[in-house]
Amino acid sequence: MSVNKVERRVRIKKSIRNKISGTSERPRLSVFRSNRAIYAQIIDDTTGKTLVAASSVKLDDASKVNTETSNKVGKEIAAKALELGISQVVFDRSGYLYHGKVKSLAEGAREAGLKF
């Protein structure tokens, strides 16, 4: 019974998604991390639409993704969300450990004014 990293993350992600869901009053802040970039989007699960999105690809220093870049992405998505009047979200780490880049993105969003 060997389970690789991706299968393990997908299993954890499904477990998390069974427990949380974004509403129009409190949408879901979902994080995706790849080898080259980090992405965040705020989703209303009742309508199935993405309200706001941000990524490290759009930043100037997109060549290197580290905790500093992740923090900037968190601040960017929080600023966009606050423009739309979204102040509270449910954080969805998508099966990633709450550590490093994911934690930095969450802290950046909190610093910029999002509550979760």
PDB file of N, CA and C in Angstrom:
ATOM      1  N   MET A   1       0.836  -1.189   0.000  1.00  0.00           N
ATOM      2  CA  MET A   1       0.000   0.000   0.000  1.00  0.00           C
ATOM      3  C   MET A   1       0.875   1.246   0.000  1.00  0.00           C
ATOM      4  N   SER A   2       1.497   1.518  -1.133  1.00  0.00           N
ATOM      5  CA  SER A   2       2.325   2.714  -1.200  1.00  0.00           C
ATOM      6  C   SER A   2       1.506   3.860  -1.782  1.00  0.00           C
ATOM      7  N   VAL A   3       1.501   4.939  -1.077  1.00  0.00           N
ATOM      8  CA  VAL A   3       0.767   6.121  -1.507  1.00  0.00           C
ATOM      9  C   VAL A   3       1.790   7.235  -1.712  1.00  0.00           C
ATOM     10  N   ASN A   4       1.788   7.801  -2.920  1.00  0.00           N
ATOM     11  CA  ASN A   4       2.750   8.865  -3.146  1.00  0.00           C
ATOM     12  C   ASN A   4       2.205  10.201  -2.635  1.00  0.00           C
ATOM     13  N   LYS A   5       3.023  11.221  -2.711  1.00  0.00           N
ATOM     14  CA  LYS A   5       2.675  12.525  -2.145  1.00  0.00           C
ATOM     15  C   LYS A   5       1.401  13.113  -2.740  1.00  0.00           C
ATOM     16  N   VAL A   6       1.265  13.020  -4.045  1.00  0.00           N
ATOM     17  CA  VAL A   6       0.120  13.626  -4.726  1.00  0.00           C
ATOM     18  C   VAL A   6      -1.178  12.938  -4.311  1.00  0.00           C
ATOM     19  N   GLU A   7      -1.177  11.607  -4.282  1.00  0.00           N
ATOM     20  CA  GLU A   7      -2.367  10.865  -3.871  1.00  0.00           C
ATOM     21  C   GLU A   7      -2.741  11.185  -2.431  1.00  0.00           C
ATOM     22  N   ARG A   8      -1.749  11.314  -1.588  1.00  0.00           N
ATOM     23  CA  ARG A   8      -1.987  11.646  -0.185  1.00  0.00           C
ATOM     24  C   ARG A   8      -2.619  13.028  -0.063  1.00  0.00           C
ATOM     25  N   ARG A   9      -2.082  14.004  -0.827  1.00  0.00           N
ATOM     26  CA  ARG A   9      -2.611  15.364  -0.773  1.00  0.00           C
ATOM     27  C   ARG A   9      -4.044  15.407  -1.285  1.00  0.00           C
ATOM     28  N   VAL A  10      -4.335  14.674  -2.343  1.00  0.00           N
ATOM     29  CA  VAL A  10      -5.691  14.648  -2.896  1.00  0.00           C
ATOM     30  C   VAL A  10      -6.666  14.044  -1.891  1.00  0.00           C
ATOM     31  N   ARG A  11      -6.247  13.000  -1.185  1.00  0.00           N
ATOM     32  CA  ARG A  11      -7.102  12.383  -0.164  1.00  0.00           C
ATOM     33  C   ARG A  11      -7.386  13.362   0.961  1.00  0.00           C
ATOM     34  N   ILE A  12      -6.361  14.074   1.410  1.00  0.00           N
ATOM     35  CA  ILE A  12      -6.530  15.071   2.468  1.00  0.00           C
ATOM     36  C   ILE A  12      -7.420  16.207   1.969  1.00  0.00           C
ATOM     37  N   LYS A  13      -7.223  16.624   0.713  1.00  0.00           N
ATOM     38  CA  LYS A  13      -8.017  17.701   0.123  1.00  0.00           C
ATOM     39  C   LYS A  13      -9.501  17.347   0.114  1.00  0.00           C
ATOM     40  N   LYS A  14      -9.820  16.112  -0.277  1.00  0.00           N
ATOM     41  CA  LYS A  14     -11.219  15.680  -0.292  1.00  0.00           C
ATOM     42  C   LYS A  14     -11.812  15.710   1.107  1.00  0.00           C
ATOM     43  N   SER A  15     -11.046  15.304   2.088  1.00  0.00           N
ATOM     44  CA  SER A  15     -11.512  15.315   3.473  1.00  0.00           C
ATOM     45  C   SER A  15     -11.799  16.742   3.944  1.00  0.00           C
ATOM     46  N   ILE A  16     -10.912  17.661   3.583  1.00  0.00           N
ATOM     47  CA  ILE A  16     -11.092  19.063   3.964  1.00  0.00           C
ATOM     48  C   ILE A  16     -12.323  19.640   3.283  1.00  0.00           C
ATOM     49  N   ARG A  17     -12.485  19.343   1.982  1.00  0.00           N
ATOM     50  CA  ARG A  17     -13.604  19.908   1.207  1.00  0.00           C
ATOM     51  C   ARG A  17     -14.950  19.368   1.665  1.00  0.00           C
ATOM     52  N   ASN A  18     -14.976  18.184   2.310  1.00  0.00           N
ATOM     53  CA  ASN A  18     -16.222  17.677   2.872  1.00  0.00           C
ATOM     54  C   ASN A  18     -16.643  18.485   4.093  1.00  0.00           C
ATOM     55  N   LYS A  19     -15.682  19.100   4.746  1.00  0.00           N
ATOM     56  CA  LYS A  19     -15.963  19.814   5.987  1.00  0.00           C
ATOM     57  C   LYS A  19     -16.232  21.301   5.774  1.00  0.00           C
ATOM     58  N   ILE A  20     -15.591  21.914   4.758  1.00  0.00           N
ATOM     59  CA  ILE A  20     -15.759  23.356   4.564  1.00  0.00           C
ATOM     60  C   ILE A  20     -16.374  23.653   3.214  1.00  0.00           C
ATOM     61  N   SER A  21     -17.068  24.780   3.159  1.00  0.00           N
ATOM     62  CA  SER A  21     -17.672  25.224   1.914  1.00  0.00           C
ATOM     63  C   SER A  21     -17.822  26.732   1.974  1.00  0.00           C
ATOM     64  N   GLY A  22     -17.617  27.391   0.847  1.00  0.00           N
ATOM     65  CA  GLY A  22     -17.731  28.841   0.802  1.00  0.00           C
ATOM     66  C   GLY A  22     -19.148  29.267   0.456  1.00  0.00           C
ATOM     67  N   THR A  23     -19.638  30.275   1.153  1.00  0.00           N
ATOM     68  CA  THR A  23     -20.954  30.829   0.867  1.00  0.00           C
ATOM     69  C   THR A  23     -20.781  32.225   0.295  1.00  0.00           C
ATOM     70  N   SER A  24     -21.881  32.859  -0.074  1.00  0.00           N
ATOM     71  CA  SER A  24     -21.765  34.209  -0.611  1.00  0.00           C
ATOM     72  C   SER A  24     -21.376  35.197   0.487  1.00  0.00           C
ATOM     73  N   GLU A  25     -21.757  34.929   1.746  1.00  0.00           N
ATOM     74  CA  GLU A  25     -21.356  35.816   2.849  1.00  0.00           C
ATOM     75  C   GLU A  25     -19.916  35.564   3.271  1.00  0.00           C
ATOM     76  N   ARG A  26     -19.501  34.294   3.221  1.00  0.00           N
ATOM     77  CA  ARG A  26     -18.144  33.919   3.640  1.00  0.00           C
ATOM     78  C   ARG A  26     -17.572  32.925   2.633  1.00  0.00           C
ATOM     79  N   PRO A  27     -16.990  33.436   1.536  1.00  0.00           N
ATOM     80  CA  PRO A  27     -16.460  32.550   0.495  1.00  0.00           C
ATOM     81  C   PRO A  27     -15.187  31.818   0.933  1.00  0.00           C
ATOM     82  N   ARG A  28     -14.754  30.892   0.103  1.00  0.00           N
ATOM     83  CA  ARG A  28     -13.598  30.043   0.409  1.00  0.00           C
ATOM     84  C   ARG A  28     -12.351  30.586  -0.270  1.00  0.00           C
ATOM     85  N   LEU A  29     -11.272  30.726   0.494  1.00  0.00           N
ATOM     86  CA  LEU A  29      -9.972  31.126  -0.042  1.00  0.00           C
ATOM     87  C   LEU A  29      -9.166  29.857  -0.279  1.00  0.00           C
ATOM     88  N   SER A  30      -9.020  29.479  -1.544  1.00  0.00           N
ATOM     89  CA  SER A  30      -8.346  28.247  -1.921  1.00  0.00           C
ATOM     90  C   SER A  30      -6.932  28.543  -2.394  1.00  0.00           C
ATOM     91  N   VAL A  31      -5.989  27.687  -2.002  1.00  0.00           N
ATOM     92  CA  VAL A  31      -4.580  27.863  -2.339  1.00  0.00           C
ATOM     93  C   VAL A  31      -4.126  26.686  -3.203  1.00  0.00           C
ATOM     94  N   PHE A  32      -3.369  26.985  -4.256  1.00  0.00           N
ATOM     95  CA  PHE A  32      -2.716  25.946  -5.054  1.00  0.00           C
ATOM     96  C   PHE A  32      -1.251  26.309  -5.190  1.00  0.00           C
ATOM     97  N   ARG A  33      -0.415  25.326  -4.942  1.00  0.00           N
ATOM     98  CA  ARG A  33       1.025  25.536  -4.977  1.00  0.00           C
ATOM     99  C   ARG A  33       1.623  24.602  -6.016  1.00  0.00           C
ATOM    100  N   SER A  34       2.382  25.163  -6.949  1.00  0.00           N
ATOM    101  CA  SER A  34       3.101  24.334  -7.901  1.00  0.00           C
ATOM    102  C   SER A  34       4.591  24.534  -7.672  1.00  0.00           C
ATOM    103  N   ASN A  35       5.401  23.908  -8.494  1.00  0.00           N
ATOM    104  CA  ASN A  35       6.848  24.069  -8.335  1.00  0.00           C
ATOM    105  C   ASN A  35       7.305  25.471  -8.720  1.00  0.00           C
ATOM    106  N   ARG A  36       6.578  26.110  -9.621  1.00  0.00           N
ATOM    107  CA  ARG A  36       7.011  27.410 -10.137  1.00  0.00           C
ATOM    108  C   ARG A  36       6.199  28.592  -9.645  1.00  0.00           C
ATOM    109  N   ALA A  37       5.015  28.362  -9.093  1.00  0.00           N
ATOM    110  CA  ALA A  37       4.150  29.485  -8.717  1.00  0.00           C
ATOM    111  C   ALA A  37       3.241  29.092  -7.570  1.00  0.00           C
ATOM    112  N   ILE A  38       2.582  30.102  -7.013  1.00  0.00           N
ATOM    113  CA  ILE A  38       1.559  29.871  -6.004  1.00  0.00           C
ATOM    114  C   ILE A  38       0.336  30.687  -6.415  1.00  0.00           C
ATOM    115  N   TYR A  39      -0.827  30.076  -6.314  1.00  0.00           N
ATOM    116  CA  TYR A  39      -2.067  30.692  -6.753  1.00  0.00           C
ATOM    117  C   TYR A  39      -3.059  30.723  -5.588  1.00  0.00           C
ATOM    118  N   ALA A  40      -3.893  31.745  -5.560  1.00  0.00           N
ATOM    119  CA  ALA A  40      -4.958  31.826  -4.562  1.00  0.00           C
ATOM    120  C   ALA A  40      -6.200  32.363  -5.247  1.00  0.00           C
ATOM    121  N   GLN A  41      -7.348  31.817  -4.876  1.00  0.00           N
ATOM    122  CA  GLN A  41      -8.593  32.323  -5.420  1.00  0.00           C
ATOM    123  C   GLN A  41      -9.680  32.264  -4.357  1.00  0.00           C
ATOM    124  N   ILE A  42     -10.591  33.209  -4.432  1.00  0.00           N
ATOM    125  CA  ILE A  42     -11.726  33.243  -3.517  1.00  0.00           C
ATOM    126  C   ILE A  42     -12.942  32.776  -4.297  1.00  0.00           C
ATOM    127  N   ILE A  43     -13.593  31.724  -3.778  1.00  0.00           N
ATOM    128  CA  ILE A  43     -14.646  31.032  -4.507  1.00  0.00           C
ATOM    129  C   ILE A  43     -15.938  31.033  -3.711  1.00  0.00           C
ATOM    130  N   ASP A  44     -17.046  31.316  -4.396  1.00  0.00           N
ATOM    131  CA  ASP A  44     -18.377  31.167  -3.819  1.00  0.00           C
ATOM    132  C   ASP A  44     -18.897  29.807  -4.269  1.00  0.00           C
ATOM    133  N   ASP A  45     -18.957  28.846  -3.357  1.00  0.00           N
ATOM    134  CA  ASP A  45     -19.338  27.483  -3.727  1.00  0.00           C
ATOM    135  C   ASP A  45     -20.827  27.329  -4.002  1.00  0.00           C
ATOM    136  N   THR A  46     -21.658  28.252  -3.524  1.00  0.00           N
ATOM    137  CA  THR A  46     -23.086  28.125  -3.796  1.00  0.00           C
ATOM    138  C   THR A  46     -23.385  28.374  -5.273  1.00  0.00           C
ATOM    139  N   THR A  47     -22.659  29.309  -5.897  1.00  0.00           N
ATOM    140  CA  THR A  47     -22.841  29.571  -7.325  1.00  0.00           C
ATOM    141  C   THR A  47     -21.762  28.904  -8.166  1.00  0.00           C
ATOM    142  N   GLY A  48     -20.673  28.473  -7.534  1.00  0.00           N
ATOM    143  CA  GLY A  48     -19.590  27.811  -8.254  1.00  0.00           C
ATOM    144  C   GLY A  48     -18.736  28.777  -9.052  1.00  0.00           C
ATOM    145  N   LYS A  49     -18.617  30.018  -8.589  1.00  0.00           N
ATOM    146  CA  LYS A  49     -17.859  31.021  -9.336  1.00  0.00           C
ATOM    147  C   LYS A  49     -16.676  31.525  -8.528  1.00  0.00           C
ATOM    148  N   THR A  50     -15.606  31.829  -9.260  1.00  0.00           N
ATOM    149  CA  THR A  50     -14.443  32.455  -8.662  1.00  0.00           C
ATOM    150  C   THR A  50     -14.671  33.953  -8.619  1.00  0.00           C
ATOM    151  N   LEU A  51     -14.566  34.538  -7.436  1.00  0.00           N
ATOM    152  CA  LEU A  51     -14.812  35.966  -7.267  1.00  0.00           C
ATOM    153  C   LEU A  51     -13.538  36.780  -7.469  1.00  0.00           C
ATOM    154  N   VAL A  52     -12.430  36.301  -6.912  1.00  0.00           N
ATOM    155  CA  VAL A  52     -11.151  37.007  -6.974  1.00  0.00           C
ATOM    156  C   VAL A  52     -10.042  35.972  -7.135  1.00  0.00           C
ATOM    157  N   ALA A  53      -9.007  36.333  -7.898  1.00  0.00           N
ATOM    158  CA  ALA A  53      -7.861  35.435  -8.050  1.00  0.00           C
ATOM    159  C   ALA A  53      -6.571  36.241  -8.052  1.00  0.00           C
ATOM    160  N   ALA A  54      -5.503  35.634  -7.565  1.00  0.00           N
ATOM    161  CA  ALA A  54      -4.181  36.254  -7.578  1.00  0.00           C
ATOM    162  C   ALA A  54      -3.148  35.147  -7.673  1.00  0.00           C
ATOM    163  N   SER A  55      -2.006  35.470  -8.271  1.00  0.00           N
ATOM    164  CA  SER A  55      -0.943  34.475  -8.375  1.00  0.00           C
ATOM    165  C   SER A  55       0.417  35.147  -8.408  1.00  0.00           C
ATOM    166  N   SER A  56       1.437  34.343  -8.174  1.00  0.00           N
ATOM    167  CA  SER A  56       2.803  34.863  -8.213  1.00  0.00           C
ATOM    168  C   SER A  56       3.262  35.082  -9.646  1.00  0.00           C
ATOM    169  N   VAL A  57       2.552  34.522 -10.612  1.00  0.00           N
ATOM    170  CA  VAL A  57       2.912  34.694 -12.018  1.00  0.00           C
ATOM    171  C   VAL A  57       2.767  36.149 -12.438  1.00  0.00           C
ATOM    172  N   LYS A  58       1.791  36.839 -11.876  1.00  0.00           N
ATOM    173  CA  LYS A  58       1.517  38.224 -12.251  1.00  0.00           C
ATOM    174  C   LYS A  58       2.459  39.220 -11.560  1.00  0.00           C
ATOM    175  N   LEU A  59       3.196  38.777 -10.545  1.00  0.00           N
ATOM    176  CA  LEU A  59       4.106  39.669  -9.831  1.00  0.00           C
ATOM    177  C   LEU A  59       5.389  39.896 -10.625  1.00  0.00           C
ATOM    178  N   ASP A  60       6.122  40.948 -10.267  1.00  0.00           N
ATOM    179  CA  ASP A  60       7.360  41.282 -10.971  1.00  0.00           C
ATOM    180  C   ASP A  60       8.451  40.232 -10.754  1.00  0.00           C
ATOM    181  N   ASP A  61       8.593  39.769  -9.519  1.00  0.00           N
ATOM    182  CA  ASP A  61       9.654  38.802  -9.200  1.00  0.00           C
ATOM    183  C   ASP A  61       9.108  37.377  -9.226  1.00  0.00           C
ATOM    184  N   ALA A  62       8.437  37.035 -10.320  1.00  0.00           N
ATOM    185  CA  ALA A  62       7.770  35.737 -10.433  1.00  0.00           C
ATOM    186  C   ALA A  62       8.743  34.589 -10.663  1.00  0.00           C
ATOM    187  N   SER A  63      10.010  34.899 -10.939  1.00  0.00           N
ATOM    188  CA  SER A  63      10.955  33.829 -11.233  1.00  0.00           C
ATOM    189  C   SER A  63      11.236  32.955 -10.017  1.00  0.00           C
ATOM    190  N   LYS A  64      11.170  33.529  -8.823  1.00  0.00           N
ATOM    191  CA  LYS A  64      11.409  32.744  -7.614  1.00  0.00           C
ATOM    192  C   LYS A  64      10.193  32.821  -6.690  1.00  0.00           C
ATOM    193  N   VAL A  65       9.701  31.684  -6.304  1.00  0.00           N
ATOM    194  CA  VAL A  65       8.573  31.635  -5.383  1.00  0.00           C
ATOM    195  C   VAL A  65       9.094  31.173  -4.044  1.00  0.00           C
ATOM    196  N   ASN A  66       8.994  32.062  -3.073  1.00  0.00           N
ATOM    197  CA  ASN A  66       9.400  31.732  -1.721  1.00  0.00           C
ATOM    198  C   ASN A  66       8.350  32.292  -0.765  1.00  0.00           C
ATOM    199  N   THR A  67       8.637  32.296   0.508  1.00  0.00           N
ATOM    200  CA  THR A  67       7.649  32.766   1.474  1.00  0.00           C
ATOM    201  C   THR A  67       7.377  34.259   1.304  1.00  0.00           C
ATOM    202  N   GLU A  68       8.372  34.996   0.877  1.00  0.00           N
ATOM    203  CA  GLU A  68       8.195  36.439   0.663  1.00  0.00           C
ATOM    204  C   GLU A  68       7.218  36.701  -0.492  1.00  0.00           C
ATOM    205  N   THR A  69       7.382  35.984  -1.573  1.00  0.00           N
ATOM    206  CA  THR A  69       6.487  36.114  -2.721  1.00  0.00           C
ATOM    207  C   THR A  69       5.081  35.659  -2.347  1.00  0.00           C
ATOM    208  N   SER A  70       4.980  34.582  -1.590  1.00  0.00           N
ATOM    209  CA  SER A  70       3.679  34.076  -1.157  1.00  0.00           C
ATOM    210  C   SER A  70       2.962  35.107  -0.300  1.00  0.00           C
ATOM    211  N   ASN A  71       3.707  35.806   0.546  1.00  0.00           N
ATOM    212  CA  ASN A  71       3.134  36.849   1.381  1.00  0.00           C
ATOM    213  C   ASN A  71       2.548  37.968   0.514  1.00  0.00           C
ATOM    214  N   LYS A  72       3.255  38.323  -0.551  1.00  0.00           N
ATOM    215  CA  LYS A  72       2.766  39.364  -1.472  1.00  0.00           C
ATOM    216  C   LYS A  72       1.479  38.925  -2.168  1.00  0.00           C
ATOM    217  N   VAL A  73       1.404  37.653  -2.548  1.00  0.00           N
ATOM    218  CA  VAL A  73       0.193  37.128  -3.192  1.00  0.00           C
ATOM    219  C   VAL A  73      -0.976  37.201  -2.210  1.00  0.00           C
ATOM    220  N   GLY A  74      -0.727  36.867  -0.951  1.00  0.00           N
ATOM    221  CA  GLY A  74      -1.765  36.958   0.077  1.00  0.00           C
ATOM    222  C   GLY A  74      -2.268  38.379   0.259  1.00  0.00           C
ATOM    223  N   LYS A  75      -1.351  39.329   0.266  1.00  0.00           N
ATOM    224  CA  LYS A  75      -1.747  40.736   0.405  1.00  0.00           C
ATOM    225  C   LYS A  75      -2.526  41.207  -0.817  1.00  0.00           C
ATOM    226  N   GLU A  76      -2.105  40.741  -2.002  1.00  0.00           N
ATOM    227  CA  GLU A  76      -2.788  41.137  -3.237  1.00  0.00           C
ATOM    228  C   GLU A  76      -4.222  40.610  -3.281  1.00  0.00           C
ATOM    229  N   ILE A  77      -4.411  39.356  -2.915  1.00  0.00           N
ATOM    230  CA  ILE A  77      -5.763  38.797  -2.961  1.00  0.00           C
ATOM    231  C   ILE A  77      -6.652  39.432  -1.901  1.00  0.00           C
ATOM    232  N   ALA A  78      -6.077  39.777  -0.750  1.00  0.00           N
ATOM    233  CA  ALA A  78      -6.857  40.442   0.297  1.00  0.00           C
ATOM    234  C   ALA A  78      -7.298  41.831  -0.162  1.00  0.00           C
ATOM    235  N   ALA A  79      -6.408  42.541  -0.835  1.00  0.00           N
ATOM    236  CA  ALA A  79      -6.754  43.883  -1.328  1.00  0.00           C
ATOM    237  C   ALA A  79      -7.882  43.810  -2.356  1.00  0.00           C
ATOM    238  N   LYS A  80      -7.797  42.839  -3.272  1.00  0.00           N
ATOM    239  CA  LYS A  80      -8.838  42.674  -4.276  1.00  0.00           C
ATOM    240  C   LYS A  80     -10.166  42.284  -3.638  1.00  0.00           C
ATOM    241  N   ALA A  81     -10.107  41.425  -2.618  1.00  0.00           N
ATOM    242  CA  ALA A  81     -11.327  40.984  -1.939  1.00  0.00           C
ATOM    243  C   ALA A  81     -11.984  42.130  -1.183  1.00  0.00           C
ATOM    244  N   LEU A  82     -11.186  42.933  -0.526  1.00  0.00           N
ATOM    245  CA  LEU A  82     -11.741  44.065   0.218  1.00  0.00           C
ATOM    246  C   LEU A  82     -12.384  45.085  -0.711  1.00  0.00           C
ATOM    247  N   GLU A  83     -11.864  45.217  -1.941  1.00  0.00           N
ATOM    248  CA  GLU A  83     -12.487  46.100  -2.930  1.00  0.00           C
ATOM    249  C   GLU A  83     -13.903  45.635  -3.273  1.00  0.00           C
ATOM    250  N   LEU A  84     -14.099  44.315  -3.285  1.00  0.00           N
ATOM    251  CA  LEU A  84     -15.421  43.753  -3.585  1.00  0.00           C
ATOM    252  C   LEU A  84     -16.314  43.663  -2.355  1.00  0.00           C
ATOM    253  N   GLY A  85     -15.790  44.062  -1.198  1.00  0.00           N
ATOM    254  CA  GLY A  85     -16.584  44.021   0.023  1.00  0.00           C
ATOM    255  C   GLY A  85     -16.528  42.688   0.747  1.00  0.00           C
ATOM    256  N   ILE A  86     -15.556  41.866   0.426  1.00  0.00           N
ATOM    257  CA  ILE A  86     -15.386  40.577   1.103  1.00  0.00           C
ATOM    258  C   ILE A  86     -14.366  40.762   2.218  1.00  0.00           C
ATOM    259  N   SER A  87     -14.816  40.570   3.465  1.00  0.00           N
ATOM    260  CA  SER A  87     -13.888  40.755   4.581  1.00  0.00           C
ATOM    261  C   SER A  87     -13.630  39.455   5.340  1.00  0.00           C
ATOM    262  N   GLN A  88     -14.544  38.485   5.226  1.00  0.00           N
ATOM    263  CA  GLN A  88     -14.361  37.211   5.910  1.00  0.00           C
ATOM    264  C   GLN A  88     -14.356  36.072   4.903  1.00  0.00           C
ATOM    265  N   VAL A  89     -13.433  35.141   5.081  1.00  0.00           N
ATOM    266  CA  VAL A  89     -13.333  33.976   4.204  1.00  0.00           C
ATOM    267  C   VAL A  89     -13.092  32.721   5.036  1.00  0.00           C
ATOM    268  N   VAL A  90     -13.270  31.572   4.394  1.00  0.00           N
ATOM    269  CA  VAL A  90     -12.912  30.278   4.968  1.00  0.00           C
ATOM    270  C   VAL A  90     -11.631  29.842   4.263  1.00  0.00           C
ATOM    271  N   PHE A  91     -10.597  29.503   5.017  1.00  0.00           N
ATOM    272  CA  PHE A  91      -9.305  29.163   4.422  1.00  0.00           C
ATOM    273  C   PHE A  91      -9.268  27.692   4.045  1.00  0.00           C
ATOM    274  N   ASP A  92      -8.937  27.418   2.774  1.00  0.00           N
ATOM    275  CA  ASP A  92      -8.819  26.058   2.244  1.00  0.00           C
ATOM    276  C   ASP A  92      -7.379  25.849   1.800  1.00  0.00           C
ATOM    277  N   ARG A  93      -6.630  25.073   2.559  1.00  0.00           N
ATOM    278  CA  ARG A  93      -5.216  24.862   2.252  1.00  0.00           C
ATOM    279  C   ARG A  93      -5.005  23.780   1.209  1.00  0.00           C
ATOM    280  N   SER A  94      -6.073  23.154   0.726  1.00  0.00           N
ATOM    281  CA  SER A  94      -6.043  22.167  -0.366  1.00  0.00           C
ATOM    282  C   SER A  94      -5.137  20.975  -0.093  1.00  0.00           C
ATOM    283  N   GLY A  95      -5.056  20.546   1.131  1.00  0.00           N
ATOM    284  CA  GLY A  95      -4.261  19.366   1.458  1.00  0.00           C
ATOM    285  C   GLY A  95      -2.797  19.635   1.722  1.00  0.00           C
ATOM    286  N   TYR A  96      -2.344  20.869   1.493  1.00  0.00           N
ATOM    287  CA  TYR A  96      -0.955  21.206   1.791  1.00  0.00           C
ATOM    288  C   TYR A  96      -0.818  21.441   3.294  1.00  0.00           C
ATOM    289  N   LEU A  97       0.361  21.195   3.824  1.00  0.00           N
ATOM    290  CA  LEU A  97       0.612  21.476   5.224  1.00  0.00           C
ATOM    291  C   LEU A  97       0.578  22.981   5.451  1.00  0.00           C
ATOM    292  N   TYR A  98       0.060  23.392   6.602  1.00  0.00           N
ATOM    293  CA  TYR A  98       0.027  24.813   6.934  1.00  0.00           C
ATOM    294  C   TYR A  98       1.419  25.190   7.424  1.00  0.00           C
ATOM    295  N   HIS A  99       2.307  25.400   6.457  1.00  0.00           N
ATOM    296  CA  HIS A  99       3.711  25.625   6.761  1.00  0.00           C
ATOM    297  C   HIS A  99       4.346  26.280   5.539  1.00  0.00           C
ATOM    298  N   GLY A 100       5.340  27.095   5.730  1.00  0.00           N
ATOM    299  CA  GLY A 100       6.092  27.665   4.614  1.00  0.00           C
ATOM    300  C   GLY A 100       5.279  28.614   3.761  1.00  0.00           C
ATOM    301  N   LYS A 101       5.169  28.304   2.470  1.00  0.00           N
ATOM    302  CA  LYS A 101       4.520  29.191   1.505  1.00  0.00           C
ATOM    303  C   LYS A 101       3.037  29.366   1.783  1.00  0.00           C
ATOM    304  N   VAL A 102       2.353  28.286   2.174  1.00  0.00           N
ATOM    305  CA  VAL A 102       0.918  28.363   2.443  1.00  0.00           C
ATOM    306  C   VAL A 102       0.667  29.229   3.678  1.00  0.00           C
ATOM    307  N   LYS A 103       1.459  29.043   4.704  1.00  0.00           N
ATOM    308  CA  LYS A 103       1.337  29.838   5.924  1.00  0.00           C
ATOM    309  C   LYS A 103       1.645  31.303   5.634  1.00  0.00           C
ATOM    310  N   SER A 104       2.656  31.565   4.833  1.00  0.00           N
ATOM    311  CA  SER A 104       3.036  32.928   4.483  1.00  0.00           C
ATOM    312  C   SER A 104       1.923  33.623   3.704  1.00  0.00           C
ATOM    313  N   LEU A 105       1.276  32.911   2.781  1.00  0.00           N
ATOM    314  CA  LEU A 105       0.160  33.479   2.032  1.00  0.00           C
ATOM    315  C   LEU A 105      -0.986  33.837   2.981  1.00  0.00           C
ATOM    316  N   ALA A 106      -1.295  32.954   3.918  1.00  0.00           N
ATOM    317  CA  ALA A 106      -2.371  33.207   4.877  1.00  0.00           C
ATOM    318  C   ALA A 106      -2.051  34.408   5.763  1.00  0.00           C
ATOM    319  N   GLU A 107      -0.811  34.510   6.205  1.00  0.00           N
ATOM    320  CA  GLU A 107      -0.420  35.639   7.051  1.00  0.00           C
ATOM    321  C   GLU A 107      -0.477  36.946   6.281  1.00  0.00           C
ATOM    322  N   GLY A 108      -0.085  36.930   5.014  1.00  0.00           N
ATOM    323  CA  GLY A 108      -0.166  38.126   4.179  1.00  0.00           C
ATOM    324  C   GLY A 108      -1.603  38.579   3.999  1.00  0.00           C
ATOM    325  N   ALA A 109      -2.504  37.636   3.798  1.00  0.00           N
ATOM    326  CA  ALA A 109      -3.925  37.970   3.652  1.00  0.00           C
ATOM    327  C   ALA A 109      -4.484  38.548   4.950  1.00  0.00           C
ATOM    328  N   ARG A 110      -4.070  37.976   6.075  1.00  0.00           N
ATOM    329  CA  ARG A 110      -4.538  38.501   7.370  1.00  0.00           C
ATOM    330  C   ARG A 110      -4.002  39.910   7.613  1.00  0.00           C
ATOM    331  N   GLU A 111      -2.735  40.138   7.278  1.00  0.00           N
ATOM    332  CA  GLU A 111      -2.132  41.464   7.465  1.00  0.00           C
ATOM    333  C   GLU A 111      -2.863  42.519   6.658  1.00  0.00           C
ATOM    334  N   ALA A 112      -3.326  42.144   5.468  1.00  0.00           N
ATOM    335  CA  ALA A 112      -3.999  43.108   4.584  1.00  0.00           C
ATOM    336  C   ALA A 112      -5.468  43.301   4.948  1.00  0.00           C
ATOM    337  N   GLY A 113      -5.996  42.527   5.909  1.00  0.00           N
ATOM    338  CA  GLY A 113      -7.345  42.810   6.387  1.00  0.00           C
ATOM    339  C   GLY A 113      -8.377  41.706   6.257  1.00  0.00           C
ATOM    340  N   LEU A 114      -8.032  40.547   5.681  1.00  0.00           N
ATOM    341  CA  LEU A 114      -8.999  39.454   5.600  1.00  0.00           C
ATOM    342  C   LEU A 114      -9.089  38.749   6.956  1.00  0.00           C
ATOM    343  N   LYS A 115     -10.287  38.299   7.299  1.00  0.00           N
ATOM    344  CA  LYS A 115     -10.489  37.580   8.558  1.00  0.00           C
ATOM    345  C   LYS A 115     -10.852  36.136   8.250  1.00  0.00           C
ATOM    346  N   PHE A 116     -10.126  35.203   8.869  1.00  0.00           N
ATOM    347  CA  PHE A 116     -10.456  33.780   8.787  1.00  0.00           C
ATOM    348  C   PHE A 116      -9.817  33.049   9.931  1.00  0.00           C
TER     349      PHE A 116
END
